[in-house]
C-alpha atoms as a PDB file:
ATOM      1  CA  UNK A   1     -18.875 -27.980  -0.833  1.00  0.00           C
ATOM      2  CA  UNK A   2     -22.363 -27.040  -0.592  1.00  0.00           C
ATOM      3  CA  UNK A   3     -22.737 -23.883   1.674  1.00  0.00           C
ATOM      4  CA  UNK A   4     -26.915 -24.320   1.033  1.00  0.00           C
ATOM      5  CA  UNK A   5     -26.946 -26.649   3.885  1.00  0.00           C
ATOM      6  CA  UNK A   6     -24.673 -25.074   6.388  1.00  0.00           C
ATOM      7  CA  UNK A   7     -26.387 -22.886   9.102  1.00  0.00           C
ATOM      8  CA  UNK A   8     -25.945 -19.479   9.675  1.00  0.00           C
ATOM      9  CA  UNK A   9     -23.591 -19.495  12.557  1.00  0.00           C
ATOM     10  CA  UNK A  10     -21.366 -21.846  10.850  1.00  0.00           C
ATOM     11  CA  UNK A  11     -20.942 -19.738   7.809  1.00  0.00           C
ATOM     12  CA  UNK A  12     -20.143 -17.131   9.963  1.00  0.00           C
ATOM     13  CA  UNK A  13     -17.844 -18.994  11.728  1.00  0.00           C
ATOM     14  CA  UNK A  14     -16.175 -20.162   8.604  1.00  0.00           C
ATOM     15  CA  UNK A  15     -15.804 -16.891   7.648  1.00  0.00           C
ATOM     16  CA  UNK A  16     -13.392 -16.316  10.324  1.00  0.00           C
ATOM     17  CA  UNK A  17     -11.879 -18.976   9.975  1.00  0.00           C
ATOM     18  CA  UNK A  18     -11.169 -18.781   6.091  1.00  0.00           C
ATOM     19  CA  UNK A  19      -8.393 -15.420   6.492  1.00  0.00           C
ATOM     20  CA  UNK A  20      -6.289 -17.545   9.361  1.00  0.00           C
ATOM     21  CA  UNK A  21      -6.309 -20.407   6.661  1.00  0.00           C
ATOM     22  CA  UNK A  22      -5.611 -18.158   3.485  1.00  0.00           C
ATOM     23  CA  UNK A  23      -2.661 -16.685   5.514  1.00  0.00           C
ATOM     24  CA  UNK A  24      -1.386 -20.154   6.616  1.00  0.00           C
ATOM     25  CA  UNK A  25      -1.442 -21.455   3.205  1.00  0.00           C
ATOM     26  CA  UNK A  26      -0.030 -18.548   1.157  1.00  0.00           C
ATOM     27  CA  UNK A  27       3.263 -18.542   4.045  1.00  0.00           C
ATOM     28  CA  UNK A  28       4.028 -22.178   3.466  1.00  0.00           C
ATOM     29  CA  UNK A  29       3.304 -22.152  -0.146  1.00  0.00           C
ATOM     30  CA  UNK A  30       6.050 -19.093  -0.431  1.00  0.00           C
ATOM     31  CA  UNK A  31       8.292 -21.364   1.633  1.00  0.00           C
ATOM     32  CA  UNK A  32       7.825 -24.434  -0.359  1.00  0.00           C
ATOM     33  CA  UNK A  33       9.038 -21.884  -3.460  1.00  0.00           C
ATOM     34  CA  UNK A  34      11.264 -20.468  -2.244  1.00  0.00           C
ATOM     35  CA  UNK A  35      12.973 -24.051  -1.722  1.00  0.00           C
ATOM     36  CA  UNK A  36      12.447 -25.064  -4.787  1.00  0.00           C
ATOM     37  CA  UNK A  37      14.391 -21.773  -5.482  1.00  0.00           C
ATOM     38  CA  UNK A  38      17.205 -22.392  -3.766  1.00  0.00           C
ATOM     39  CA  UNK A  39      17.420 -25.699  -4.621  1.00  0.00           C
ATOM     40  CA  UNK A  40      17.649 -25.164  -8.313  1.00  0.00           C
ATOM     41  CA  UNK A  41      20.336 -22.367  -8.063  1.00  0.00           C
ATOM     42  CA  UNK A  42      22.165 -24.902  -5.471  1.00  0.00           C
ATOM     43  CA  UNK A  43      21.662 -27.521  -8.126  1.00  0.00           C
ATOM     44  CA  UNK A  44      23.540 -24.747 -10.709  1.00  0.00           C
ATOM     45  CA  UNK A  45      26.687 -24.216  -8.044  1.00  0.00           C
ATOM     46  CA  UNK A  46      24.979 -20.890  -6.923  1.00  0.00           C
ATOM     47  CA  UNK A  47      23.326 -19.577  -3.978  1.00  0.00           C
ATOM     48  CA  UNK A  48      20.251 -17.482  -4.081  1.00  0.00           C
ATOM     49  CA  UNK A  49      21.469 -15.073  -2.196  1.00  0.00           C
ATOM     50  CA  UNK A  50      24.551 -14.403  -4.822  1.00  0.00           C
ATOM     51  CA  UNK A  51      22.260 -13.997  -7.858  1.00  0.00           C
ATOM     52  CA  UNK A  52      19.873 -11.445  -5.969  1.00  0.00           C
ATOM     53  CA  UNK A  53      22.759  -9.484  -4.090  1.00  0.00           C
ATOM     54  CA  UNK A  54      22.856  -9.530  -0.867  1.00  0.00           C
ATOM     55  CA  UNK A  55      20.606  -6.562  -0.081  1.00  0.00           C
ATOM     56  CA  UNK A  56      16.885  -6.747  -2.671  1.00  0.00           C
ATOM     57  CA  UNK A  57      14.832  -4.211  -1.654  1.00  0.00           C
ATOM     58  CA  UNK A  58      11.478  -2.836  -3.426  1.00  0.00           C
ATOM     59  CA  UNK A  59      11.329   1.069  -3.398  1.00  0.00           C
ATOM     60  CA  UNK A  60       8.331   2.117  -1.555  1.00  0.00           C
ATOM     61  CA  UNK A  61       8.742   5.706  -3.611  1.00  0.00           C
ATOM     62  CA  UNK A  62      10.906   7.519  -5.397  1.00  0.00           C
ATOM     63  CA  UNK A  63      10.920  10.146  -2.608  1.00  0.00           C
ATOM     64  CA  UNK A  64      10.528  13.233  -4.823  1.00  0.00           C
ATOM     65  CA  UNK A  65       8.665  16.578  -4.034  1.00  0.00           C
ATOM     66  CA  UNK A  66       5.080  16.466  -4.730  1.00  0.00           C
ATOM     67  CA  UNK A  67       4.964  20.084  -6.536  1.00  0.00           C
ATOM     68  CA  UNK A  68       2.524  22.494  -4.967  1.00  0.00           C
ATOM     69  CA  UNK A  69      -0.907  22.885  -6.633  1.00  0.00           C
ATOM     70  CA  UNK A  70      -2.087  25.803  -4.329  1.00  0.00           C
ATOM     71  CA  UNK A  71      -1.129  28.520  -2.676  1.00  0.00           C
ATOM     72  CA  UNK A  72      -2.256  31.722  -0.586  1.00  0.00           C
ATOM     73  CA  UNK A  73      -2.582  34.982  -2.305  1.00  0.00           C
ATOM     74  CA  UNK A  74      -1.620  37.337  -0.191  1.00  0.00           C
ATOM     75  CA  UNK A  75       1.059  34.934   1.511  1.00  0.00           C
ATOM     76  CA  UNK A  76       3.332  32.611  -0.428  1.00  0.00           C
ATOM     77  CA  UNK A  77       4.505  30.908   2.254  1.00  0.00           C
ATOM     78  CA  UNK A  78       1.152  29.208   2.630  1.00  0.00           C
ATOM     79  CA  UNK A  79       1.014  26.162  -0.112  1.00  0.00           C
ATOM     80  CA  UNK A  80      -0.841  22.984  -0.320  1.00  0.00           C
ATOM     81  CA  UNK A  81       0.258  19.532  -2.997  1.00  0.00           C
ATOM     82  CA  UNK A  82      -3.213  19.759  -2.931  1.00  0.00           C
ATOM     83  CA  UNK A  83      -3.238  15.891  -1.019  1.00  0.00           C
ATOM     84  CA  UNK A  84      -4.245  14.847   2.290  1.00  0.00           C
ATOM     85  CA  UNK A  85      -6.325  17.117   4.825  1.00  0.00           C
ATOM     86  CA  UNK A  86      -7.535  20.572   3.701  1.00  0.00           C
ATOM     87  CA  UNK A  87      -4.837  23.049   5.852  1.00  0.00           C
ATOM     88  CA  UNK A  88      -6.450  25.013   7.961  1.00  0.00           C
ATOM     89  CA  UNK A  89      -6.079  28.370   5.784  1.00  0.00           C
ATOM     90  CA  UNK A  90      -7.474  26.570   2.632  1.00  0.00           C
ATOM     91  CA  UNK A  91     -10.748  25.702   4.979  1.00  0.00           C
ATOM     92  CA  UNK A  92     -10.923  29.228   6.123  1.00  0.00           C
ATOM     93  CA  UNK A  93     -10.447  31.138   1.965  1.00  0.00           C
ATOM     94  CA  UNK A  94     -13.416  28.150   1.554  1.00  0.00           C
ATOM     95  CA  UNK A  95     -15.707  29.243   4.583  1.00  0.00           C
ATOM     96  CA  UNK A  96     -15.426  33.140   3.198  1.00  0.00           C
ATOM     97  CA  UNK A  97     -17.010  32.160  -0.063  1.00  0.00           C
ATOM     98  CA  UNK A  98     -13.657  31.788  -1.606  1.00  0.00           C
ATOM     99  CA  UNK A  99     -12.600  28.856  -4.356  1.00  0.00           C
ATOM    100  CA  UNK A 100     -10.722  26.494  -5.008  1.00  0.00           C
ATOM    101  CA  UNK A 101      -9.362  27.627  -8.193  1.00  0.00           C
ATOM    102  CA  UNK A 102      -8.298  31.133  -7.059  1.00  0.00           C
ATOM    103  CA  UNK A 103      -6.103  29.658  -5.545  1.00  0.00           C
ATOM    104  CA  UNK A 104      -4.228  27.550  -7.973  1.00  0.00           C
ATOM    105  CA  UNK A 105      -0.239  28.207  -9.014  1.00  0.00           C
END
């Protein structure tokens, strides 16, 4: 496909159409593959659900707790893992000229 012959407006229109077409084709391809796998399993006397088990889920995380990385020197209840936004007490510490290394556990 020669894109150099298209106008800017045509290129932008094409750019808008591509994500929807990709999504549609991906869904179609997945459905085709699933049907092929079901037919393959059925030819051998199984249902795909029997092979995979009734509940197949991918775990997003182990659910473990993240270790504390920083702790306030005067108030041990104020802790931070170092992930996400800095808590207000850390912001206050830094604003007073403190440094994060001093809060390391």
